[in-house]
Amino acid sequence: MIQRFVVVPAIPTETGSVRNGARFHSTTVPAGFDIYDNQGKQRLQFTYSTRIEADAECERLNMECDQTTITTPTRISSP
């Protein structure tokens, strides 16, 4: 079963550009880690500086999601 929330590397932020001859090369800095929502197909707004923090929050969100689906009764309609 695929987990709803997973940890992904954050999109690097551009810090400027460096000229090398006739070309410009952008310089980037790694931004940390994001949590991706597989159901909503989007990254959550918060960025975590370490993978350990992101993993802990991801695990909490998945546990919360699992608890909600377990406690929510399913309605079965009769034919």
PDB file of N, CA and C in Angstrom:
ATOM      1  N   MET A   1       0.838  -1.178   0.000  1.00  0.00           N
ATOM      2  CA  MET A   1       0.000   0.000   0.000  1.00  0.00           C
ATOM      3  C   MET A   1       0.892   1.254   0.000  1.00  0.00           C
ATOM      4  N   ILE A   2       0.588   2.183  -0.820  1.00  0.00           N
ATOM      5  CA  ILE A   2       1.341   3.428  -0.920  1.00  0.00           C
ATOM      6  C   ILE A   2       0.891   4.363   0.194  1.00  0.00           C
ATOM      7  N   GLN A   3       1.861   4.942   0.892  1.00  0.00           N
ATOM      8  CA  GLN A   3       1.542   5.891   1.941  1.00  0.00           C
ATOM      9  C   GLN A   3       1.040   7.179   1.332  1.00  0.00           C
ATOM     10  N   ARG A   4       0.134   7.861   2.057  1.00  0.00           N
ATOM     11  CA  ARG A   4      -0.406   9.110   1.544  1.00  0.00           C
ATOM     12  C   ARG A   4       0.666  10.202   1.533  1.00  0.00           C
ATOM     13  N   PHE A   5       1.445  10.317   2.613  1.00  0.00           N
ATOM     14  CA  PHE A   5       2.460  11.362   2.716  1.00  0.00           C
ATOM     15  C   PHE A   5       3.855  10.748   2.637  1.00  0.00           C
ATOM     16  N   VAL A   6       4.733  11.336   1.831  1.00  0.00           N
ATOM     17  CA  VAL A   6       6.116  10.870   1.695  1.00  0.00           C
ATOM     18  C   VAL A   6       7.057  12.073   1.721  1.00  0.00           C
ATOM     19  N   VAL A   7       8.303  11.821   2.104  1.00  0.00           N
ATOM     20  CA  VAL A   7       9.324  12.872   2.165  1.00  0.00           C
ATOM     21  C   VAL A   7      10.030  12.950   0.820  1.00  0.00           C
ATOM     22  N   VAL A   8      10.177  14.170   0.304  1.00  0.00           N
ATOM     23  CA  VAL A   8      10.890  14.399  -0.957  1.00  0.00           C
ATOM     24  C   VAL A   8      11.878  15.551  -0.754  1.00  0.00           C
ATOM     25  N   PRO A   9      12.970  15.578  -1.511  1.00  0.00           N
ATOM     26  CA  PRO A   9      13.893  16.719  -1.413  1.00  0.00           C
ATOM     27  C   PRO A   9      13.192  17.998  -1.853  1.00  0.00           C
ATOM     28  N   ALA A  10      13.454  19.076  -1.150  1.00  0.00           N
ATOM     29  CA  ALA A  10      12.858  20.365  -1.501  1.00  0.00           C
ATOM     30  C   ALA A  10      13.474  20.894  -2.789  1.00  0.00           C
ATOM     31  N   ILE A  11      12.756  21.759  -3.441  1.00  0.00           N
ATOM     32  CA  ILE A  11      13.251  22.378  -4.667  1.00  0.00           C
ATOM     33  C   ILE A  11      14.349  23.370  -4.285  1.00  0.00           C
ATOM     34  N   PRO A  12      15.537  23.250  -4.879  1.00  0.00           N
ATOM     35  CA  PRO A  12      16.638  24.158  -4.523  1.00  0.00           C
ATOM     36  C   PRO A  12      16.270  25.613  -4.840  1.00  0.00           C
ATOM     37  N   THR A  13      16.760  26.530  -4.020  1.00  0.00           N
ATOM     38  CA  THR A  13      16.491  27.945  -4.258  1.00  0.00           C
ATOM     39  C   THR A  13      17.674  28.571  -4.981  1.00  0.00           C
ATOM     40  N   GLU A  14      17.375  29.443  -5.921  1.00  0.00           N
ATOM     41  CA  GLU A  14      18.420  30.089  -6.707  1.00  0.00           C
ATOM     42  C   GLU A  14      19.013  31.234  -5.914  1.00  0.00           C
ATOM     43  N   THR A  15      20.325  31.295  -5.844  1.00  0.00           N
ATOM     44  CA  THR A  15      21.002  32.341  -5.084  1.00  0.00           C
ATOM     45  C   THR A  15      21.662  33.389  -5.976  1.00  0.00           C
ATOM     46  N   GLY A  16      21.700  33.163  -7.252  1.00  0.00           N
ATOM     47  CA  GLY A  16      22.332  34.114  -8.163  1.00  0.00           C
ATOM     48  C   GLY A  16      22.830  33.410  -9.401  1.00  0.00           C
ATOM     49  N   SER A  17      23.651  34.105 -10.155  1.00  0.00           N
ATOM     50  CA  SER A  17      24.212  33.484 -11.349  1.00  0.00           C
ATOM     51  C   SER A  17      25.682  33.864 -11.475  1.00  0.00           C
ATOM     52  N   VAL A  18      26.413  32.978 -12.122  1.00  0.00           N
ATOM     53  CA  VAL A  18      27.848  33.172 -12.332  1.00  0.00           C
ATOM     54  C   VAL A  18      28.098  33.147 -13.825  1.00  0.00           C
ATOM     55  N   ARG A  19      28.903  34.082 -14.279  1.00  0.00           N
ATOM     56  CA  ARG A  19      29.227  34.130 -15.709  1.00  0.00           C
ATOM     57  C   ARG A  19      30.496  33.337 -15.965  1.00  0.00           C
ATOM     58  N   ASN A  20      30.405  32.463 -16.994  1.00  0.00           N
ATOM     59  CA  ASN A  20      31.559  31.664 -17.413  1.00  0.00           C
ATOM     60  C   ASN A  20      31.682  31.859 -18.921  1.00  0.00           C
ATOM     61  N   GLY A  21      32.505  32.816 -19.316  1.00  0.00           N
ATOM     62  CA  GLY A  21      32.623  33.128 -20.742  1.00  0.00           C
ATOM     63  C   GLY A  21      31.349  33.815 -21.222  1.00  0.00           C
ATOM     64  N   ALA A  22      30.705  33.233 -22.248  1.00  0.00           N
ATOM     65  CA  ALA A  22      29.480  33.815 -22.789  1.00  0.00           C
ATOM     66  C   ALA A  22      28.232  33.265 -22.100  1.00  0.00           C
ATOM     67  N   ARG A  23      28.403  32.287 -21.209  1.00  0.00           N
ATOM     68  CA  ARG A  23      27.250  31.647 -20.573  1.00  0.00           C
ATOM     69  C   ARG A  23      27.078  32.097 -19.128  1.00  0.00           C
ATOM     70  N   PHE A  24      25.842  32.050 -18.681  1.00  0.00           N
ATOM     71  CA  PHE A  24      25.527  32.296 -17.280  1.00  0.00           C
ATOM     72  C   PHE A  24      25.074  30.984 -16.660  1.00  0.00           C
ATOM     73  N   HIS A  25      25.596  30.667 -15.494  1.00  0.00           N
ATOM     74  CA  HIS A  25      25.202  29.468 -14.765  1.00  0.00           C
ATOM     75  C   HIS A  25      24.574  29.906 -13.451  1.00  0.00           C
ATOM     76  N   SER A  26      23.384  29.391 -13.159  1.00  0.00           N
ATOM     77  CA  SER A  26      22.746  29.764 -11.904  1.00  0.00           C
ATOM     78  C   SER A  26      23.326  28.935 -10.763  1.00  0.00           C
ATOM     79  N   THR A  27      23.429  29.558  -9.606  1.00  0.00           N
ATOM     80  CA  THR A  27      23.902  28.848  -8.419  1.00  0.00           C
ATOM     81  C   THR A  27      22.695  28.608  -7.512  1.00  0.00           C
ATOM     82  N   THR A  28      22.599  27.407  -6.982  1.00  0.00           N
ATOM     83  CA  THR A  28      21.468  27.065  -6.135  1.00  0.00           C
ATOM     84  C   THR A  28      21.956  26.516  -4.801  1.00  0.00           C
ATOM     85  N   VAL A  29      21.061  26.583  -3.820  1.00  0.00           N
ATOM     86  CA  VAL A  29      21.343  26.075  -2.487  1.00  0.00           C
ATOM     87  C   VAL A  29      20.257  25.063  -2.153  1.00  0.00           C
ATOM     88  N   PRO A  30      20.629  23.880  -1.653  1.00  0.00           N
ATOM     89  CA  PRO A  30      19.594  22.924  -1.275  1.00  0.00           C
ATOM     90  C   PRO A  30      18.727  23.502  -0.157  1.00  0.00           C
ATOM     91  N   ALA A  31      17.423  23.296  -0.255  1.00  0.00           N
ATOM     92  CA  ALA A  31      16.486  23.936   0.667  1.00  0.00           C
ATOM     93  C   ALA A  31      16.013  23.011   1.767  1.00  0.00           C
ATOM     94  N   GLY A  32      16.363  21.747   1.770  1.00  0.00           N
ATOM     95  CA  GLY A  32      15.902  20.831   2.813  1.00  0.00           C
ATOM     96  C   GLY A  32      14.984  19.768   2.248  1.00  0.00           C
ATOM     97  N   PHE A  33      13.888  19.495   2.979  1.00  0.00           N
ATOM     98  CA  PHE A  33      12.971  18.427   2.596  1.00  0.00           C
ATOM     99  C   PHE A  33      11.523  18.894   2.721  1.00  0.00           C
ATOM    100  N   ASP A  34      10.698  18.434   1.806  1.00  0.00           N
ATOM    101  CA  ASP A  34       9.261  18.712   1.808  1.00  0.00           C
ATOM    102  C   ASP A  34       8.496  17.422   2.027  1.00  0.00           C
ATOM    103  N   ILE A  35       7.222  17.563   2.343  1.00  0.00           N
ATOM    104  CA  ILE A  35       6.332  16.411   2.427  1.00  0.00           C
ATOM    105  C   ILE A  35       5.371  16.504   1.260  1.00  0.00           C
ATOM    106  N   TYR A  36       5.265  15.406   0.517  1.00  0.00           N
ATOM    107  CA  TYR A  36       4.405  15.340  -0.666  1.00  0.00           C
ATOM    108  C   TYR A  36       3.158  14.542  -0.334  1.00  0.00           C
ATOM    109  N   ASP A  37       1.996  15.083  -0.695  1.00  0.00           N
ATOM    110  CA  ASP A  37       0.710  14.428  -0.476  1.00  0.00           C
ATOM    111  C   ASP A  37       0.350  13.666  -1.752  1.00  0.00           C
ATOM    112  N   ASN A  38       0.411  12.323  -1.709  1.00  0.00           N
ATOM    113  CA  ASN A  38       0.109  11.511  -2.885  1.00  0.00           C
ATOM    114  C   ASN A  38      -1.355  11.606  -3.302  1.00  0.00           C
ATOM    115  N   GLN A  39      -2.241  11.826  -2.352  1.00  0.00           N
ATOM    116  CA  GLN A  39      -3.665  11.918  -2.684  1.00  0.00           C
ATOM    117  C   GLN A  39      -3.979  13.264  -3.332  1.00  0.00           C
ATOM    118  N   GLY A  40      -3.440  14.340  -2.748  1.00  0.00           N
ATOM    119  CA  GLY A  40      -3.690  15.677  -3.287  1.00  0.00           C
ATOM    120  C   GLY A  40      -2.761  16.045  -4.428  1.00  0.00           C
ATOM    121  N   LYS A  41      -1.732  15.230  -4.681  1.00  0.00           N
ATOM    122  CA  LYS A  41      -0.744  15.461  -5.749  1.00  0.00           C
ATOM    123  C   LYS A  41      -0.099  16.842  -5.638  1.00  0.00           C
ATOM    124  N   GLN A  42       0.347  17.171  -4.399  1.00  0.00           N
ATOM    125  CA  GLN A  42       1.003  18.453  -4.185  1.00  0.00           C
ATOM    126  C   GLN A  42       1.942  18.390  -2.987  1.00  0.00           C
ATOM    127  N   ARG A  43       2.887  19.318  -2.951  1.00  0.00           N
ATOM    128  CA  ARG A  43       3.788  19.438  -1.810  1.00  0.00           C
ATOM    129  C   ARG A  43       3.095  20.266  -0.742  1.00  0.00           C
ATOM    130  N   LEU A  44       3.316  19.902   0.535  1.00  0.00           N
ATOM    131  CA  LEU A  44       2.794  20.712   1.622  1.00  0.00           C
ATOM    132  C   LEU A  44       3.660  21.955   1.753  1.00  0.00           C
ATOM    133  N   GLN A  45       3.138  22.998   2.366  1.00  0.00           N
ATOM    134  CA  GLN A  45       3.839  24.284   2.399  1.00  0.00           C
ATOM    135  C   GLN A  45       5.082  24.303   3.269  1.00  0.00           C
ATOM    136  N   PHE A  46       5.160  23.464   4.287  1.00  0.00           N
ATOM    137  CA  PHE A  46       6.275  23.511   5.216  1.00  0.00           C
ATOM    138  C   PHE A  46       7.507  22.810   4.650  1.00  0.00           C
ATOM    139  N   THR A  47       8.677  23.400   4.876  1.00  0.00           N
ATOM    140  CA  THR A  47       9.947  22.803   4.477  1.00  0.00           C
ATOM    141  C   THR A  47      10.748  22.518   5.737  1.00  0.00           C
ATOM    142  N   TYR A  48      11.330  21.336   5.812  1.00  0.00           N
ATOM    143  CA  TYR A  48      12.090  20.909   6.985  1.00  0.00           C
ATOM    144  C   TYR A  48      13.570  20.906   6.645  1.00  0.00           C
ATOM    145  N   SER A  49      14.392  21.376   7.584  1.00  0.00           N
ATOM    146  CA  SER A  49      15.820  21.498   7.304  1.00  0.00           C
ATOM    147  C   SER A  49      16.538  20.150   7.320  1.00  0.00           C
ATOM    148  N   THR A  50      16.032  19.180   8.088  1.00  0.00           N
ATOM    149  CA  THR A  50      16.679  17.871   8.132  1.00  0.00           C
ATOM    150  C   THR A  50      15.687  16.781   7.739  1.00  0.00           C
ATOM    151  N   ARG A  51      16.223  15.704   7.259  1.00  0.00           N
ATOM    152  CA  ARG A  51      15.394  14.562   6.860  1.00  0.00           C
ATOM    153  C   ARG A  51      14.703  13.938   8.077  1.00  0.00           C
ATOM    154  N   ILE A  52      15.373  13.954   9.235  1.00  0.00           N
ATOM    155  CA  ILE A  52      14.804  13.374  10.453  1.00  0.00           C
ATOM    156  C   ILE A  52      13.523  14.105  10.849  1.00  0.00           C
ATOM    157  N   GLU A  53      13.536  15.436  10.786  1.00  0.00           N
ATOM    158  CA  GLU A  53      12.335  16.225  11.108  1.00  0.00           C
ATOM    159  C   GLU A  53      11.211  15.916  10.126  1.00  0.00           C
ATOM    160  N   ALA A  54      11.545  15.859   8.852  1.00  0.00           N
ATOM    161  CA  ALA A  54      10.536  15.584   7.819  1.00  0.00           C
ATOM    162  C   ALA A  54       9.968  14.177   7.981  1.00  0.00           C
ATOM    163  N   ASP A  55      10.825  13.186   8.272  1.00  0.00           N
ATOM    164  CA  ASP A  55      10.345  11.813   8.479  1.00  0.00           C
ATOM    165  C   ASP A  55       9.398  11.731   9.669  1.00  0.00           C
ATOM    166  N   ALA A  56       9.716  12.421  10.759  1.00  0.00           N
ATOM    167  CA  ALA A  56       8.868  12.402  11.949  1.00  0.00           C
ATOM    168  C   ALA A  56       7.494  13.004  11.648  1.00  0.00           C
ATOM    169  N   GLU A  57       7.472  14.123  10.960  1.00  0.00           N
ATOM    170  CA  GLU A  57       6.193  14.763  10.623  1.00  0.00           C
ATOM    171  C   GLU A  57       5.403  13.921   9.624  1.00  0.00           C
ATOM    172  N   CYS A  58       6.096  13.315   8.682  1.00  0.00           N
ATOM    173  CA  CYS A  58       5.459  12.453   7.693  1.00  0.00           C
ATOM    174  C   CYS A  58       4.806  11.255   8.380  1.00  0.00           C
ATOM    175  N   GLU A  59       5.514  10.653   9.322  1.00  0.00           N
ATOM    176  CA  GLU A  59       4.975   9.513  10.061  1.00  0.00           C
ATOM    177  C   GLU A  59       3.744   9.924  10.869  1.00  0.00           C
ATOM    178  N   ARG A  60       3.799  11.119  11.488  1.00  0.00           N
ATOM    179  CA  ARG A  60       2.661  11.617  12.269  1.00  0.00           C
ATOM    180  C   ARG A  60       1.435  11.829  11.367  1.00  0.00           C
ATOM    181  N   LEU A  61       1.656  12.432  10.207  1.00  0.00           N
ATOM    182  CA  LEU A  61       0.548  12.677   9.279  1.00  0.00           C
ATOM    183  C   LEU A  61      -0.061  11.369   8.775  1.00  0.00           C
ATOM    184  N   ASN A  62       0.791  10.390   8.462  1.00  0.00           N
ATOM    185  CA  ASN A  62       0.285   9.100   7.998  1.00  0.00           C
ATOM    186  C   ASN A  62      -0.489   8.381   9.091  1.00  0.00           C
ATOM    187  N   MET A  63      -0.016   8.447  10.346  1.00  0.00           N
ATOM    188  CA  MET A  63      -0.725   7.831  11.467  1.00  0.00           C
ATOM    189  C   MET A  63      -2.087   8.504  11.669  1.00  0.00           C
ATOM    190  N   GLU A  64      -2.103   9.835  11.572  1.00  0.00           N
ATOM    191  CA  GLU A  64      -3.348  10.591  11.709  1.00  0.00           C
ATOM    192  C   GLU A  64      -4.341  10.179  10.625  1.00  0.00           C
ATOM    193  N   CYS A  65      -3.839  10.041   9.406  1.00  0.00           N
ATOM    194  CA  CYS A  65      -4.678   9.648   8.271  1.00  0.00           C
ATOM    195  C   CYS A  65      -5.216   8.235   8.471  1.00  0.00           C
ATOM    196  N   ASP A  66      -4.363   7.322   8.947  1.00  0.00           N
ATOM    197  CA  ASP A  66      -4.786   5.947   9.199  1.00  0.00           C
ATOM    198  C   ASP A  66      -5.835   5.884  10.296  1.00  0.00           C
ATOM    199  N   GLN A  67      -5.671   6.666  11.352  1.00  0.00           N
ATOM    200  CA  GLN A  67      -6.633   6.682  12.456  1.00  0.00           C
ATOM    201  C   GLN A  67      -7.984   7.196  11.983  1.00  0.00           C
ATOM    202  N   THR A  68      -7.980   8.184  11.109  1.00  0.00           N
ATOM    203  CA  THR A  68      -9.227   8.744  10.588  1.00  0.00           C
ATOM    204  C   THR A  68      -9.970   7.708   9.750  1.00  0.00           C
ATOM    205  N   THR A  69      -9.258   6.947   8.932  1.00  0.00           N
ATOM    206  CA  THR A  69      -9.921   5.957   8.083  1.00  0.00           C
ATOM    207  C   THR A  69     -10.413   4.769   8.894  1.00  0.00           C
ATOM    208  N   ILE A  70      -9.730   4.439   9.996  1.00  0.00           N
ATOM    209  CA  ILE A  70     -10.160   3.320  10.828  1.00  0.00           C
ATOM    210  C   ILE A  70     -11.403   3.687  11.614  1.00  0.00           C
ATOM    211  N   THR A  71     -11.470   4.904  12.166  1.00  0.00           N
ATOM    212  CA  THR A  71     -12.595   5.302  13.002  1.00  0.00           C
ATOM    213  C   THR A  71     -13.807   5.761  12.200  1.00  0.00           C
ATOM    214  N   THR A  72     -13.644   6.068  10.942  1.00  0.00           N
ATOM    215  CA  THR A  72     -14.773   6.489  10.118  1.00  0.00           C
ATOM    216  C   THR A  72     -15.521   5.255   9.629  1.00  0.00           C
ATOM    217  N   PRO A  73     -16.797   5.109  10.044  1.00  0.00           N
ATOM    218  CA  PRO A  73     -17.549   3.934   9.609  1.00  0.00           C
ATOM    219  C   PRO A  73     -17.880   4.002   8.117  1.00  0.00           C
ATOM    220  N   THR A  74     -17.817   2.872   7.469  1.00  0.00           N
ATOM    221  CA  THR A  74     -18.179   2.820   6.059  1.00  0.00           C
ATOM    222  C   THR A  74     -19.649   2.477   5.961  1.00  0.00           C
ATOM    223  N   ARG A  75     -20.323   3.101   5.079  1.00  0.00           N
ATOM    224  CA  ARG A  75     -21.748   2.897   4.910  1.00  0.00           C
ATOM    225  C   ARG A  75     -21.972   1.879   3.799  1.00  0.00           C
ATOM    226  N   ILE A  76     -22.641   0.808   4.139  1.00  0.00           N
ATOM    227  CA  ILE A  76     -22.942  -0.229   3.156  1.00  0.00           C
ATOM    228  C   ILE A  76     -24.425  -0.135   2.839  1.00  0.00           C
ATOM    229  N   SER A  77     -24.716   0.029   1.575  1.00  0.00           N
ATOM    230  CA  SER A  77     -26.123   0.135   1.186  1.00  0.00           C
ATOM    231  C   SER A  77     -26.648  -1.247   0.835  1.00  0.00           C
ATOM    232  N   SER A  78     -27.895  -1.465   1.204  1.00  0.00           N
ATOM    233  CA  SER A  78     -28.497  -2.766   0.894  1.00  0.00           C
ATOM    234  C   SER A  78     -29.087  -2.749  -0.511  1.00  0.00           C
ATOM    235  N   PRO A  79     -29.107  -3.895  -1.172  1.00  0.00           N
ATOM    236  CA  PRO A  79     -29.577  -3.930  -2.566  1.00  0.00           C
ATOM    237  C   PRO A  79     -31.068  -3.754  -2.689  1.00  0.00           C
TER     238      PRO A  79
END
